[in-house]
C-alpha atoms as a PDB file:
ATOM      1  CA  UNK A   1     156.200  90.561  80.584  1.00  0.00           C
ATOM      2  CA  UNK A   2     157.163  86.952  81.224  1.00  0.00           C
ATOM      3  CA  UNK A   3     156.058  87.378  84.817  1.00  0.00           C
ATOM      4  CA  UNK A   4     152.579  88.490  83.797  1.00  0.00           C
ATOM      5  CA  UNK A   5     152.282  85.486  81.465  1.00  0.00           C
ATOM      6  CA  UNK A   6     153.191  83.169  84.334  1.00  0.00           C
ATOM      7  CA  UNK A   7     150.549  84.786  86.535  1.00  0.00           C
ATOM      8  CA  UNK A   8     147.952  84.360  83.797  1.00  0.00           C
ATOM      9  CA  UNK A   9     148.876  80.694  83.330  1.00  0.00           C
ATOM     10  CA  UNK A  10     148.783  80.066  87.072  1.00  0.00           C
ATOM     11  CA  UNK A  11     145.429  81.805  87.353  1.00  0.00           C
ATOM     12  CA  UNK A  12     144.084  79.717  84.462  1.00  0.00           C
ATOM     13  CA  UNK A  13     145.295  76.470  86.024  1.00  0.00           C
ATOM     14  CA  UNK A  14     143.779  77.456  89.340  1.00  0.00           C
ATOM     15  CA  UNK A  15     140.443  78.139  87.684  1.00  0.00           C
ATOM     16  CA  UNK A  16     140.528  74.844  85.798  1.00  0.00           C
ATOM     17  CA  UNK A  17     141.287  72.953  89.011  1.00  0.00           C
ATOM     18  CA  UNK A  18     138.305  74.653  90.690  1.00  0.00           C
ATOM     19  CA  UNK A  19     136.046  73.617  87.818  1.00  0.00           C
ATOM     20  CA  UNK A  20     137.226  70.013  87.926  1.00  0.00           C
ATOM     21  CA  UNK A  21     136.701  69.917  91.697  1.00  0.00           C
ATOM     22  CA  UNK A  22     133.109  71.103  91.255  1.00  0.00           C
ATOM     23  CA  UNK A  23     132.479  68.576  88.478  1.00  0.00           C
ATOM     24  CA  UNK A  24     133.801  65.750  90.652  1.00  0.00           C
ATOM     25  CA  UNK A  25     131.375  66.721  93.424  1.00  0.00           C
ATOM     26  CA  UNK A  26     128.424  67.068  91.038  1.00  0.00           C
ATOM     27  CA  UNK A  27     126.033  64.164  90.721  1.00  0.00           C
ATOM     28  CA  UNK A  28     122.873  63.365  88.853  1.00  0.00           C
ATOM     29  CA  UNK A  29     119.766  64.128  90.929  1.00  0.00           C
ATOM     30  CA  UNK A  30     117.541  61.266  91.975  1.00  0.00           C
ATOM     31  CA  UNK A  31     113.914  60.972  90.972  1.00  0.00           C
ATOM     32  CA  UNK A  32     112.674  62.391  94.284  1.00  0.00           C
ATOM     33  CA  UNK A  33     115.036  65.378  94.193  1.00  0.00           C
ATOM     34  CA  UNK A  34     114.210  66.122  90.554  1.00  0.00           C
ATOM     35  CA  UNK A  35     110.478  65.977  91.284  1.00  0.00           C
ATOM     36  CA  UNK A  36     110.809  68.335  94.247  1.00  0.00           C
ATOM     37  CA  UNK A  37     112.900  70.786  92.236  1.00  0.00           C
ATOM     38  CA  UNK A  38     110.343  70.742  89.428  1.00  0.00           C
ATOM     39  CA  UNK A  39     107.482  71.415  91.829  1.00  0.00           C
ATOM     40  CA  UNK A  40     109.255  74.293  93.555  1.00  0.00           C
ATOM     41  CA  UNK A  41     110.195  75.818  90.198  1.00  0.00           C
ATOM     42  CA  UNK A  42     106.617  75.472  88.944  1.00  0.00           C
ATOM     43  CA  UNK A  43     105.199  77.131  92.055  1.00  0.00           C
ATOM     44  CA  UNK A  44     107.706  79.977  91.664  1.00  0.00           C
ATOM     45  CA  UNK A  45     106.715  80.518  88.039  1.00  0.00           C
ATOM     46  CA  UNK A  46     103.025  80.565  88.961  1.00  0.00           C
ATOM     47  CA  UNK A  47     103.604  83.068  91.799  1.00  0.00           C
ATOM     48  CA  UNK A  48     105.614  85.373  89.523  1.00  0.00           C
ATOM     49  CA  UNK A  49     102.861  85.137  86.903  1.00  0.00           C
ATOM     50  CA  UNK A  50     100.153  86.010  89.425  1.00  0.00           C
ATOM     51  CA  UNK A  51     102.143  88.985  90.731  1.00  0.00           C
ATOM     52  CA  UNK A  52     102.711  90.222  87.164  1.00  0.00           C
ATOM     53  CA  UNK A  53      99.022  89.833  86.353  1.00  0.00           C
ATOM     54  CA  UNK A  54      97.990  91.743  89.478  1.00  0.00           C
ATOM     55  CA  UNK A  55     100.388  94.586  88.708  1.00  0.00           C
ATOM     56  CA  UNK A  56      99.047  94.805  85.158  1.00  0.00           C
ATOM     57  CA  UNK A  57      95.441  94.660  86.423  1.00  0.00           C
ATOM     58  CA  UNK A  58      96.051  97.424  88.948  1.00  0.00           C
ATOM     59  CA  UNK A  59      97.735  99.602  86.318  1.00  0.00           C
ATOM     60  CA  UNK A  60      94.790  99.131  83.924  1.00  0.00           C
ATOM     61  CA  UNK A  61      92.319 100.061  86.662  1.00  0.00           C
ATOM     62  CA  UNK A  62      94.417 103.088  87.636  1.00  0.00           C
ATOM     63  CA  UNK A  63      94.568 104.163  84.002  1.00  0.00           C
ATOM     64  CA  UNK A  64      90.807 103.744  83.589  1.00  0.00           C
ATOM     65  CA  UNK A  65      89.934 105.813  86.642  1.00  0.00           C
ATOM     66  CA  UNK A  66      92.776 108.280  86.129  1.00  0.00           C
ATOM     67  CA  UNK A  67      91.478 109.598  82.817  1.00  0.00           C
END
């Protein structure tokens, strides 16, 4: 039982050290990087919206002609 507790503690410490390593490497994005990320995200949202609209439109047309 004590052995399993040691493994759990070691695993927890390992995970915490991984998290701290990632946080040390993380940095605040610059204005240019933030702007580019926002644009790419916006384009992705618009594309997903258009695809969803087209699927809905096609299903409505199929329902109209199917009945």
